[in-house]
N, C-alpha and C. Protein backbone atom coordinates (compact mmCIF):
# COMPACT_ATOMS: atom_id res chain seq x y z
N MET A 1 19.38 1.82 49.19
CA MET A 1 18.34 0.80 49.26
C MET A 1 18.69 -0.27 50.28
N GLY A 2 19.95 -0.72 50.27
CA GLY A 2 20.37 -1.78 51.18
C GLY A 2 20.25 -1.38 52.64
N TYR A 3 20.64 -0.14 52.95
CA TYR A 3 20.57 0.29 54.35
C TYR A 3 19.13 0.54 54.79
N GLY A 4 18.26 0.91 53.87
CA GLY A 4 16.84 1.04 54.20
C GLY A 4 16.23 -0.31 54.54
N LEU A 5 16.56 -1.33 53.74
CA LEU A 5 16.11 -2.68 54.04
C LEU A 5 16.67 -3.18 55.36
N LEU A 6 17.93 -2.85 55.61
CA LEU A 6 18.56 -3.25 56.86
C LEU A 6 17.87 -2.58 58.05
N ALA A 7 17.51 -1.31 57.92
CA ALA A 7 16.80 -0.61 58.99
C ALA A 7 15.45 -1.28 59.26
N GLY A 8 14.75 -1.68 58.21
CA GLY A 8 13.49 -2.40 58.39
C GLY A 8 13.69 -3.73 59.07
N ALA A 9 14.76 -4.43 58.70
CA ALA A 9 15.08 -5.72 59.32
C ALA A 9 15.37 -5.54 60.81
N ILE A 10 16.07 -4.48 61.14
CA ILE A 10 16.38 -4.20 62.55
C ILE A 10 15.10 -3.90 63.32
N ALA A 11 14.23 -3.08 62.76
CA ALA A 11 12.98 -2.72 63.43
C ALA A 11 12.11 -3.96 63.66
N ALA A 12 12.04 -4.84 62.65
CA ALA A 12 11.24 -6.06 62.79
C ALA A 12 11.84 -6.99 63.84
N GLU A 13 13.16 -7.07 63.89
CA GLU A 13 13.82 -7.92 64.88
C GLU A 13 13.59 -7.39 66.29
N ILE A 14 13.63 -6.09 66.46
CA ILE A 14 13.38 -5.48 67.78
C ILE A 14 11.94 -5.75 68.22
N LEU A 15 11.00 -5.59 67.31
CA LEU A 15 9.60 -5.88 67.61
C LEU A 15 9.42 -7.35 67.98
N ALA A 16 10.05 -8.24 67.23
CA ALA A 16 9.93 -9.68 67.49
C ALA A 16 10.51 -10.05 68.85
N THR A 17 11.68 -9.53 69.16
CA THR A 17 12.32 -9.86 70.43
C THR A 17 11.53 -9.31 71.60
N THR A 18 11.02 -8.10 71.48
CA THR A 18 10.20 -7.52 72.54
C THR A 18 8.91 -8.31 72.71
N SER A 19 8.31 -8.73 71.61
CA SER A 19 7.09 -9.53 71.67
C SER A 19 7.34 -10.88 72.34
N MET A 20 8.54 -11.42 72.12
CA MET A 20 8.87 -12.70 72.73
C MET A 20 8.80 -12.62 74.25
N LYS A 21 9.20 -11.49 74.80
CA LYS A 21 9.12 -11.29 76.25
C LYS A 21 7.67 -11.43 76.72
N TYR A 22 6.75 -10.87 75.94
CA TYR A 22 5.34 -10.90 76.31
C TYR A 22 4.64 -12.21 75.95
N SER A 23 5.31 -13.09 75.20
CA SER A 23 4.69 -14.36 74.82
C SER A 23 4.65 -15.35 75.98
N GLU A 24 5.40 -15.06 77.03
CA GLU A 24 5.48 -15.93 78.21
C GLU A 24 5.77 -17.38 77.81
N GLY A 25 6.91 -17.54 77.13
CA GLY A 25 7.34 -18.87 76.71
C GLY A 25 6.47 -19.45 75.61
N PHE A 26 5.96 -18.59 74.75
CA PHE A 26 5.07 -18.96 73.66
C PHE A 26 3.76 -19.57 74.15
N SER A 27 3.32 -19.15 75.34
CA SER A 27 2.05 -19.63 75.87
C SER A 27 0.90 -18.65 75.61
N ARG A 28 1.22 -17.45 75.12
CA ARG A 28 0.20 -16.45 74.75
C ARG A 28 0.20 -16.31 73.23
N LEU A 29 -0.99 -16.44 72.63
CA LEU A 29 -1.11 -16.53 71.18
C LEU A 29 -0.60 -15.30 70.44
N TRP A 30 -1.14 -14.11 70.70
CA TRP A 30 -0.83 -12.94 69.88
C TRP A 30 0.62 -12.50 69.98
N PRO A 31 1.19 -12.44 71.17
CA PRO A 31 2.62 -12.10 71.21
C PRO A 31 3.48 -13.17 70.52
N SER A 32 3.07 -14.43 70.60
CA SER A 32 3.82 -15.51 69.94
C SER A 32 3.76 -15.35 68.43
N LEU A 33 2.57 -15.05 67.90
CA LEU A 33 2.43 -14.84 66.46
C LEU A 33 3.21 -13.62 65.99
N LEU A 34 3.20 -12.56 66.81
CA LEU A 34 3.96 -11.35 66.47
C LEU A 34 5.46 -11.64 66.47
N THR A 35 5.90 -12.47 67.39
CA THR A 35 7.31 -12.87 67.43
C THR A 35 7.70 -13.59 66.13
N GLY A 36 6.92 -14.58 65.76
CA GLY A 36 7.22 -15.34 64.54
C GLY A 36 7.18 -14.47 63.30
N ALA A 37 6.14 -13.64 63.20
CA ALA A 37 6.01 -12.77 62.03
C ALA A 37 7.15 -11.74 61.98
N GLY A 38 7.51 -11.21 63.13
CA GLY A 38 8.59 -10.22 63.19
C GLY A 38 9.92 -10.79 62.74
N TYR A 39 10.22 -12.01 63.21
CA TYR A 39 11.48 -12.63 62.79
C TYR A 39 11.45 -13.00 61.31
N LEU A 40 10.31 -13.45 60.81
CA LEU A 40 10.20 -13.78 59.39
C LEU A 40 10.46 -12.53 58.54
N VAL A 41 9.80 -11.43 58.88
CA VAL A 41 10.00 -10.17 58.15
C VAL A 41 11.45 -9.72 58.26
N SER A 42 12.00 -9.83 59.46
CA SER A 42 13.38 -9.41 59.67
C SER A 42 14.35 -10.18 58.79
N PHE A 43 14.20 -11.50 58.74
CA PHE A 43 15.12 -12.31 57.94
C PHE A 43 14.94 -12.07 56.45
N VAL A 44 13.70 -11.87 56.02
CA VAL A 44 13.47 -11.59 54.60
C VAL A 44 14.13 -10.26 54.22
N LEU A 45 13.94 -9.23 55.05
CA LEU A 45 14.54 -7.93 54.75
C LEU A 45 16.06 -7.98 54.84
N LEU A 46 16.58 -8.72 55.81
CA LEU A 46 18.04 -8.87 55.92
C LEU A 46 18.59 -9.57 54.68
N ALA A 47 17.92 -10.61 54.24
CA ALA A 47 18.37 -11.33 53.04
C ALA A 47 18.36 -10.41 51.82
N ARG A 48 17.34 -9.58 51.71
CA ARG A 48 17.27 -8.64 50.58
C ARG A 48 18.38 -7.60 50.68
N ALA A 49 18.65 -7.14 51.91
CA ALA A 49 19.72 -6.15 52.11
C ALA A 49 21.08 -6.73 51.72
N LEU A 50 21.25 -8.02 51.94
CA LEU A 50 22.54 -8.66 51.64
C LEU A 50 22.83 -8.75 50.15
N LYS A 51 21.86 -8.41 49.32
CA LYS A 51 22.12 -8.37 47.88
C LYS A 51 23.09 -7.23 47.54
N THR A 52 23.09 -6.17 48.38
CA THR A 52 23.95 -5.02 48.09
C THR A 52 24.94 -4.70 49.19
N LEU A 53 24.77 -5.27 50.37
CA LEU A 53 25.68 -4.99 51.50
C LEU A 53 26.56 -6.20 51.79
N GLN A 54 27.72 -5.95 52.37
CA GLN A 54 28.60 -7.04 52.78
C GLN A 54 27.99 -7.75 53.98
N VAL A 55 28.07 -9.06 53.99
CA VAL A 55 27.41 -9.85 55.01
C VAL A 55 27.94 -9.53 56.42
N GLY A 56 29.25 -9.41 56.57
CA GLY A 56 29.82 -9.15 57.89
C GLY A 56 29.37 -7.81 58.45
N THR A 57 29.39 -6.80 57.62
CA THR A 57 28.98 -5.46 58.04
C THR A 57 27.49 -5.43 58.34
N ALA A 58 26.68 -5.98 57.44
CA ALA A 58 25.22 -5.96 57.63
C ALA A 58 24.82 -6.72 58.88
N TYR A 59 25.41 -7.89 59.07
CA TYR A 59 25.04 -8.68 60.24
C TYR A 59 25.49 -8.00 61.53
N ALA A 60 26.66 -7.39 61.51
CA ALA A 60 27.14 -6.68 62.70
C ALA A 60 26.20 -5.53 63.05
N ILE A 61 25.76 -4.79 62.06
CA ILE A 61 24.84 -3.68 62.32
C ILE A 61 23.50 -4.23 62.80
N TRP A 62 22.98 -5.24 62.14
CA TRP A 62 21.68 -5.82 62.49
C TRP A 62 21.68 -6.35 63.93
N SER A 63 22.67 -7.14 64.26
CA SER A 63 22.70 -7.72 65.60
C SER A 63 23.10 -6.71 66.66
N GLY A 64 24.06 -5.83 66.34
CA GLY A 64 24.53 -4.85 67.31
C GLY A 64 23.47 -3.82 67.67
N VAL A 65 22.85 -3.24 66.66
CA VAL A 65 21.80 -2.24 66.93
C VAL A 65 20.63 -2.91 67.62
N GLY A 66 20.25 -4.10 67.15
CA GLY A 66 19.15 -4.81 67.79
C GLY A 66 19.42 -5.10 69.25
N THR A 67 20.62 -5.56 69.56
CA THR A 67 20.98 -5.85 70.95
C THR A 67 20.94 -4.60 71.81
N ALA A 68 21.52 -3.51 71.32
CA ALA A 68 21.55 -2.27 72.10
C ALA A 68 20.15 -1.72 72.33
N VAL A 69 19.32 -1.72 71.31
CA VAL A 69 17.96 -1.17 71.46
C VAL A 69 17.11 -2.05 72.37
N VAL A 70 17.22 -3.37 72.22
CA VAL A 70 16.44 -4.26 73.09
C VAL A 70 16.89 -4.11 74.54
N ALA A 71 18.17 -3.94 74.78
CA ALA A 71 18.64 -3.71 76.15
C ALA A 71 18.06 -2.40 76.69
N ALA A 72 18.00 -1.37 75.87
CA ALA A 72 17.42 -0.09 76.30
C ALA A 72 15.93 -0.23 76.58
N ILE A 73 15.21 -0.96 75.72
CA ILE A 73 13.79 -1.19 75.95
C ILE A 73 13.58 -1.95 77.25
N GLY A 74 14.40 -2.95 77.50
CA GLY A 74 14.32 -3.70 78.75
C GLY A 74 14.48 -2.80 79.96
N TYR A 75 15.43 -1.91 79.89
CA TYR A 75 15.68 -0.98 81.00
C TYR A 75 14.57 0.05 81.13
N LEU A 76 14.18 0.68 80.03
CA LEU A 76 13.23 1.79 80.08
C LEU A 76 11.79 1.36 80.32
N PHE A 77 11.39 0.20 79.77
CA PHE A 77 9.98 -0.16 79.79
C PHE A 77 9.65 -1.45 80.52
N LEU A 78 10.65 -2.30 80.74
CA LEU A 78 10.38 -3.61 81.32
C LEU A 78 10.97 -3.79 82.71
N GLY A 79 11.55 -2.73 83.25
CA GLY A 79 12.07 -2.78 84.61
C GLY A 79 13.32 -3.62 84.79
N GLU A 80 14.06 -3.85 83.72
CA GLU A 80 15.28 -4.63 83.83
C GLU A 80 16.43 -3.74 84.28
N SER A 81 17.40 -4.36 84.94
CA SER A 81 18.54 -3.60 85.45
C SER A 81 19.52 -3.27 84.32
N LEU A 82 20.27 -2.22 84.55
CA LEU A 82 21.28 -1.81 83.58
C LEU A 82 22.50 -1.35 84.38
N GLY A 83 23.39 -2.29 84.66
CA GLY A 83 24.57 -1.99 85.44
C GLY A 83 25.75 -1.61 84.57
N VAL A 84 26.86 -1.38 85.22
CA VAL A 84 28.08 -0.97 84.53
C VAL A 84 28.52 -2.02 83.51
N ALA A 85 28.43 -3.29 83.87
CA ALA A 85 28.87 -4.35 82.96
C ALA A 85 28.00 -4.38 81.69
N LYS A 86 26.68 -4.22 81.83
CA LYS A 86 25.81 -4.21 80.65
C LYS A 86 26.09 -3.00 79.78
N ILE A 87 26.28 -1.86 80.40
CA ILE A 87 26.59 -0.65 79.62
C ILE A 87 27.90 -0.82 78.88
N ALA A 88 28.91 -1.37 79.56
CA ALA A 88 30.20 -1.61 78.90
C ALA A 88 30.05 -2.58 77.74
N GLY A 89 29.25 -3.63 77.93
CA GLY A 89 29.04 -4.60 76.86
C GLY A 89 28.37 -3.97 75.65
N ILE A 90 27.37 -3.14 75.89
CA ILE A 90 26.68 -2.46 74.79
C ILE A 90 27.63 -1.52 74.06
N LEU A 91 28.44 -0.81 74.80
CA LEU A 91 29.42 0.10 74.18
C LEU A 91 30.45 -0.68 73.36
N LEU A 92 30.85 -1.84 73.84
CA LEU A 92 31.78 -2.68 73.08
C LEU A 92 31.14 -3.19 71.79
N ILE A 93 29.87 -3.54 71.85
CA ILE A 93 29.16 -3.97 70.64
C ILE A 93 29.12 -2.84 69.63
N ILE A 94 28.77 -1.65 70.08
CA ILE A 94 28.70 -0.49 69.20
C ILE A 94 30.08 -0.20 68.61
N ALA A 95 31.12 -0.28 69.44
CA ALA A 95 32.48 -0.05 68.95
C ALA A 95 32.85 -1.08 67.89
N GLY A 96 32.46 -2.33 68.10
CA GLY A 96 32.74 -3.37 67.12
C GLY A 96 32.06 -3.11 65.79
N VAL A 97 30.82 -2.65 65.83
CA VAL A 97 30.10 -2.32 64.59
C VAL A 97 30.80 -1.18 63.87
N VAL A 98 31.22 -0.18 64.62
CA VAL A 98 31.92 0.96 64.01
C VAL A 98 33.22 0.51 63.35
N VAL A 99 33.99 -0.32 64.05
CA VAL A 99 35.27 -0.80 63.51
C VAL A 99 35.04 -1.62 62.24
N LEU A 100 34.03 -2.49 62.25
CA LEU A 100 33.74 -3.28 61.05
C LEU A 100 33.34 -2.39 59.89
N ASN A 101 32.57 -1.35 60.17
CA ASN A 101 32.18 -0.42 59.10
C ASN A 101 33.37 0.35 58.57
N LEU A 102 34.27 0.78 59.44
CA LEU A 102 35.45 1.51 59.00
C LEU A 102 36.37 0.59 58.19
N GLY A 103 36.47 -0.65 58.61
CA GLY A 103 37.32 -1.60 57.91
C GLY A 103 36.76 -1.99 56.55
N GLY A 104 35.43 -1.88 56.39
CA GLY A 104 34.81 -2.26 55.13
C GLY A 104 34.57 -1.10 54.20
N ALA A 105 34.95 0.11 54.63
CA ALA A 105 34.71 1.30 53.80
C ALA A 105 35.60 1.26 52.58
N HIS A 106 35.07 1.70 51.45
CA HIS A 106 35.86 1.73 50.19
C HIS A 106 36.23 3.15 49.85
């Protein structure tokens, strides 16, 4: 249950962050509203997930997966660059999430 809620929180955060790009500094109504709603849903689901998951592990997964996916969306759909440094940074984030999960395993 906790990981399902966490997956929903991640999806909502990705939607919110992508919408923020289209809000043009919160000057466009619908993308701005989608940004706010997405973050609200994300935080509610993350808070619910934290009832059963460890905070460090859950937050690492939430932020790490969100960062990696948003970087991929930026590259694939928004024409953003993806150089060696960005790829290395994303891989380091993923490695950190894996290490935290291994360290928290019972």
